[in-house]
């Protein structure tokens, strides 16, 4: 992601603030399942949700499994790095 000017929304922390984390995760879930995908982001998704995300997308997306992890990206962003990792 970093090599292609994209973001990954994730990380590990020693002390998690659930009062901040839960609303943030819920908002991101509503955004993605509502069909809004940022072309600068790679979305790591439970593979069982990939069909629903493809159907909800408001713009062309490419979803697949990469190293056992479900991944969705916009089709235009994927065009820049598709030679490095096949998703479709």
N, C-alpha and C. Protein backbone atom coordinates (compact mmCIF):
# COMPACT_ATOMS: atom_id res chain seq x y z
N UNK A 1 0.82 -1.19 0.00
CA UNK A 1 0.00 0.00 0.00
C UNK A 1 0.87 1.25 0.00
N UNK A 2 1.85 1.28 0.85
CA UNK A 2 2.70 2.45 0.95
C UNK A 2 3.46 2.76 -0.32
N UNK A 3 3.85 1.73 -1.05
CA UNK A 3 4.58 1.93 -2.31
C UNK A 3 3.72 2.54 -3.39
N UNK A 4 2.39 2.50 -3.23
CA UNK A 4 1.47 3.00 -4.25
C UNK A 4 0.61 4.15 -3.74
N UNK A 5 1.11 4.87 -2.71
CA UNK A 5 0.42 6.03 -2.15
C UNK A 5 -1.00 5.70 -1.71
N UNK A 6 -1.15 4.53 -1.06
CA UNK A 6 -2.45 4.09 -0.56
C UNK A 6 -2.37 3.94 0.95
N UNK A 7 -3.52 3.73 1.59
CA UNK A 7 -3.55 3.58 3.04
C UNK A 7 -4.11 2.22 3.44
N UNK A 8 -3.72 1.78 4.62
CA UNK A 8 -4.33 0.62 5.26
C UNK A 8 -4.77 1.09 6.63
N UNK A 9 -6.01 0.85 6.97
CA UNK A 9 -6.57 1.30 8.22
C UNK A 9 -6.46 0.16 9.23
N UNK A 10 -5.40 0.15 10.02
CA UNK A 10 -5.23 -0.91 10.99
C UNK A 10 -4.01 -0.67 11.85
N UNK A 11 -3.85 -1.49 12.87
CA UNK A 11 -2.69 -1.36 13.74
C UNK A 11 -2.90 -2.13 15.03
N UNK A 12 -1.89 -2.12 15.86
CA UNK A 12 -1.94 -2.77 17.18
C UNK A 12 -1.61 -1.73 18.24
N UNK A 13 -2.29 -1.80 19.35
CA UNK A 13 -2.04 -0.88 20.45
C UNK A 13 -1.97 -1.64 21.77
N UNK A 14 -1.30 -1.07 22.75
CA UNK A 14 -1.20 -1.72 24.06
C UNK A 14 -2.50 -1.56 24.85
N UNK A 15 -3.10 -0.39 24.76
CA UNK A 15 -4.35 -0.12 25.47
C UNK A 15 -5.35 0.44 24.48
N UNK A 16 -6.43 -0.28 24.29
CA UNK A 16 -7.43 0.10 23.31
C UNK A 16 -8.56 0.88 23.98
N UNK A 17 -8.93 1.98 23.35
CA UNK A 17 -10.05 2.80 23.82
C UNK A 17 -11.29 2.39 23.04
N UNK A 18 -12.06 1.44 23.59
CA UNK A 18 -13.24 0.93 22.90
C UNK A 18 -14.30 2.00 22.67
N UNK A 19 -14.34 3.02 23.52
CA UNK A 19 -15.34 4.07 23.32
C UNK A 19 -15.05 4.87 22.05
N UNK A 20 -13.81 4.87 21.60
CA UNK A 20 -13.45 5.52 20.33
C UNK A 20 -13.40 4.51 19.18
N UNK A 21 -12.91 3.30 19.47
CA UNK A 21 -12.72 2.29 18.42
C UNK A 21 -14.04 1.81 17.83
N UNK A 22 -14.99 1.50 18.67
CA UNK A 22 -16.25 0.92 18.20
C UNK A 22 -16.99 1.87 17.25
N UNK A 23 -17.19 3.14 17.61
CA UNK A 23 -17.86 4.04 16.66
C UNK A 23 -17.08 4.21 15.35
N UNK A 24 -15.76 4.23 15.44
CA UNK A 24 -14.94 4.37 14.23
C UNK A 24 -15.12 3.16 13.32
N UNK A 25 -15.09 1.96 13.89
CA UNK A 25 -15.29 0.74 13.10
C UNK A 25 -16.69 0.68 12.51
N UNK A 26 -17.68 1.09 13.28
CA UNK A 26 -19.06 1.10 12.79
C UNK A 26 -19.22 2.08 11.63
N UNK A 27 -18.61 3.24 11.73
CA UNK A 27 -18.69 4.24 10.66
C UNK A 27 -18.02 3.74 9.40
N UNK A 28 -16.85 3.12 9.53
CA UNK A 28 -16.16 2.57 8.37
C UNK A 28 -16.98 1.46 7.73
N UNK A 29 -17.58 0.61 8.54
CA UNK A 29 -18.42 -0.47 8.02
C UNK A 29 -19.62 0.09 7.26
N UNK A 30 -20.28 1.10 7.81
CA UNK A 30 -21.41 1.73 7.11
C UNK A 30 -20.97 2.32 5.78
N UNK A 31 -19.81 2.94 5.77
CA UNK A 31 -19.30 3.56 4.55
C UNK A 31 -19.05 2.51 3.47
N UNK A 32 -18.33 1.47 3.82
CA UNK A 32 -17.96 0.44 2.84
C UNK A 32 -19.18 -0.37 2.41
N UNK A 33 -19.99 -0.81 3.34
CA UNK A 33 -21.18 -1.58 2.96
C UNK A 33 -22.23 -0.69 2.29
N UNK A 34 -22.06 0.63 2.40
CA UNK A 34 -22.90 1.57 1.67
C UNK A 34 -22.40 1.81 0.26
N UNK A 35 -21.26 1.22 -0.08
CA UNK A 35 -20.75 1.29 -1.44
C UNK A 35 -19.69 2.35 -1.70
N UNK A 36 -19.26 3.07 -0.66
CA UNK A 36 -18.25 4.11 -0.84
C UNK A 36 -16.86 3.55 -0.57
N UNK A 37 -16.04 3.51 -1.60
CA UNK A 37 -14.67 3.02 -1.47
C UNK A 37 -13.71 4.15 -1.84
N UNK A 38 -12.73 4.40 -1.00
CA UNK A 38 -11.70 5.41 -1.26
C UNK A 38 -10.65 4.78 -2.18
N UNK A 39 -10.32 5.44 -3.26
CA UNK A 39 -9.37 4.86 -4.21
C UNK A 39 -7.94 4.86 -3.68
N UNK A 40 -7.70 5.47 -2.52
CA UNK A 40 -6.36 5.44 -1.93
C UNK A 40 -6.24 4.40 -0.82
N UNK A 41 -7.25 3.54 -0.68
CA UNK A 41 -7.25 2.56 0.40
C UNK A 41 -7.40 1.14 -0.11
N UNK A 42 -6.82 0.22 0.64
CA UNK A 42 -7.01 -1.21 0.44
C UNK A 42 -7.85 -1.68 1.63
N UNK A 43 -8.98 -2.29 1.35
CA UNK A 43 -9.88 -2.74 2.41
C UNK A 43 -9.67 -4.22 2.65
N UNK A 44 -9.28 -4.57 3.87
CA UNK A 44 -9.11 -5.96 4.28
C UNK A 44 -10.42 -6.42 4.89
N UNK A 45 -11.02 -7.42 4.27
CA UNK A 45 -12.39 -7.80 4.56
C UNK A 45 -12.47 -9.30 4.83
N UNK A 46 -13.37 -9.70 5.70
CA UNK A 46 -13.68 -11.12 5.86
C UNK A 46 -14.14 -11.62 4.48
N UNK A 47 -13.50 -12.65 3.93
CA UNK A 47 -13.86 -13.12 2.58
C UNK A 47 -15.34 -13.44 2.38
N UNK A 48 -16.05 -13.78 3.45
CA UNK A 48 -17.47 -14.09 3.28
C UNK A 48 -18.29 -12.84 2.93
N UNK A 49 -17.75 -11.65 3.15
CA UNK A 49 -18.45 -10.40 2.85
C UNK A 49 -18.16 -9.86 1.45
N UNK A 50 -17.23 -10.47 0.73
CA UNK A 50 -16.84 -9.93 -0.58
C UNK A 50 -18.01 -9.81 -1.56
N UNK A 51 -18.89 -10.82 -1.70
CA UNK A 51 -20.00 -10.66 -2.64
C UNK A 51 -20.91 -9.46 -2.31
N UNK A 52 -21.18 -9.24 -1.04
CA UNK A 52 -22.03 -8.12 -0.63
C UNK A 52 -21.36 -6.79 -0.94
N UNK A 53 -20.06 -6.71 -0.74
CA UNK A 53 -19.35 -5.46 -1.02
C UNK A 53 -19.31 -5.17 -2.52
N UNK A 54 -19.09 -6.20 -3.32
CA UNK A 54 -19.11 -6.01 -4.78
C UNK A 54 -20.48 -5.49 -5.22
N UNK A 55 -21.52 -6.06 -4.68
CA UNK A 55 -22.88 -5.67 -5.07
C UNK A 55 -23.21 -4.25 -4.61
N UNK A 56 -22.68 -3.81 -3.49
CA UNK A 56 -23.00 -2.49 -2.95
C UNK A 56 -22.17 -1.37 -3.58
N UNK A 57 -21.06 -1.71 -4.20
CA UNK A 57 -20.12 -0.69 -4.69
C UNK A 57 -20.77 0.28 -5.66
N UNK A 58 -20.51 1.56 -5.44
CA UNK A 58 -21.05 2.61 -6.30
C UNK A 58 -20.13 2.92 -7.48
N UNK A 59 -18.94 2.37 -7.46
CA UNK A 59 -17.99 2.50 -8.55
C UNK A 59 -17.33 1.15 -8.73
N UNK A 60 -16.70 0.88 -9.85
CA UNK A 60 -16.10 -0.45 -10.06
C UNK A 60 -15.04 -0.77 -9.01
N UNK A 61 -15.17 -1.96 -8.43
CA UNK A 61 -14.19 -2.44 -7.46
C UNK A 61 -13.67 -3.81 -7.90
N UNK A 62 -12.51 -4.13 -7.40
CA UNK A 62 -11.92 -5.45 -7.60
C UNK A 62 -11.76 -6.05 -6.21
N UNK A 63 -12.33 -7.21 -6.00
CA UNK A 63 -12.24 -7.89 -4.72
C UNK A 63 -11.70 -9.29 -4.95
N UNK A 64 -10.99 -9.79 -4.00
CA UNK A 64 -10.46 -11.14 -4.09
C UNK A 64 -9.79 -11.51 -2.78
N UNK A 65 -9.03 -12.58 -2.82
CA UNK A 65 -8.32 -13.04 -1.63
C UNK A 65 -6.83 -12.96 -1.92
N UNK A 66 -6.10 -12.32 -1.05
CA UNK A 66 -4.66 -12.14 -1.18
C UNK A 66 -4.01 -12.67 0.09
N UNK A 67 -3.21 -13.71 -0.04
CA UNK A 67 -2.57 -14.34 1.12
C UNK A 67 -3.58 -14.73 2.19
N UNK A 68 -4.75 -15.21 1.77
CA UNK A 68 -5.77 -15.68 2.69
C UNK A 68 -6.65 -14.60 3.28
N UNK A 69 -6.44 -13.36 2.90
CA UNK A 69 -7.21 -12.23 3.43
C UNK A 69 -8.07 -11.65 2.32
N UNK A 70 -9.35 -11.39 2.61
CA UNK A 70 -10.22 -10.75 1.65
C UNK A 70 -9.78 -9.31 1.44
N UNK A 71 -9.74 -8.89 0.17
CA UNK A 71 -9.27 -7.55 -0.18
C UNK A 71 -10.21 -6.94 -1.19
N UNK A 72 -10.56 -5.66 -1.01
CA UNK A 72 -11.30 -4.89 -2.01
C UNK A 72 -10.58 -3.57 -2.24
N UNK A 73 -10.49 -3.17 -3.50
CA UNK A 73 -9.92 -1.89 -3.90
C UNK A 73 -10.73 -1.36 -5.08
N UNK A 74 -10.64 -0.08 -5.34
CA UNK A 74 -11.30 0.43 -6.53
C UNK A 74 -10.56 -0.07 -7.76
N UNK A 75 -11.29 -0.25 -8.83
CA UNK A 75 -10.69 -0.77 -10.07
C UNK A 75 -9.61 0.17 -10.59
N UNK A 76 -9.81 1.48 -10.47
CA UNK A 76 -8.80 2.41 -10.97
C UNK A 76 -7.52 2.35 -10.16
N UNK A 77 -7.60 2.16 -8.84
CA UNK A 77 -6.37 2.04 -8.04
C UNK A 77 -5.68 0.72 -8.31
N UNK A 78 -6.46 -0.34 -8.50
CA UNK A 78 -5.89 -1.66 -8.76
C UNK A 78 -5.09 -1.69 -10.06
N UNK A 79 -5.49 -0.89 -11.03
CA UNK A 79 -4.79 -0.86 -12.31
C UNK A 79 -3.31 -0.51 -12.14
N UNK A 80 -2.98 0.26 -11.11
CA UNK A 80 -1.61 0.65 -10.88
C UNK A 80 -0.72 -0.41 -10.27
N UNK A 81 -1.30 -1.44 -9.67
CA UNK A 81 -0.46 -2.46 -9.03
C UNK A 81 -0.92 -3.89 -9.31
N UNK A 82 -1.79 -4.08 -10.29
CA UNK A 82 -2.30 -5.41 -10.59
C UNK A 82 -1.22 -6.40 -10.99
N UNK A 83 -0.13 -5.94 -11.56
CA UNK A 83 0.95 -6.84 -11.96
C UNK A 83 1.67 -7.44 -10.74
N UNK A 84 1.55 -6.81 -9.60
CA UNK A 84 2.21 -7.31 -8.37
C UNK A 84 1.38 -8.31 -7.61
N UNK A 85 0.06 -8.24 -7.75
CA UNK A 85 -0.83 -9.15 -7.00
C UNK A 85 -2.15 -9.31 -7.73
N UNK A 86 -2.47 -10.53 -8.12
CA UNK A 86 -3.72 -10.81 -8.83
C UNK A 86 -4.86 -10.99 -7.85
N UNK A 87 -5.94 -10.22 -8.04
CA UNK A 87 -7.12 -10.33 -7.20
C UNK A 87 -8.31 -10.88 -7.96
N UNK A 88 -8.37 -10.69 -9.28
CA UNK A 88 -9.57 -11.10 -10.00
C UNK A 88 -9.42 -12.45 -10.66
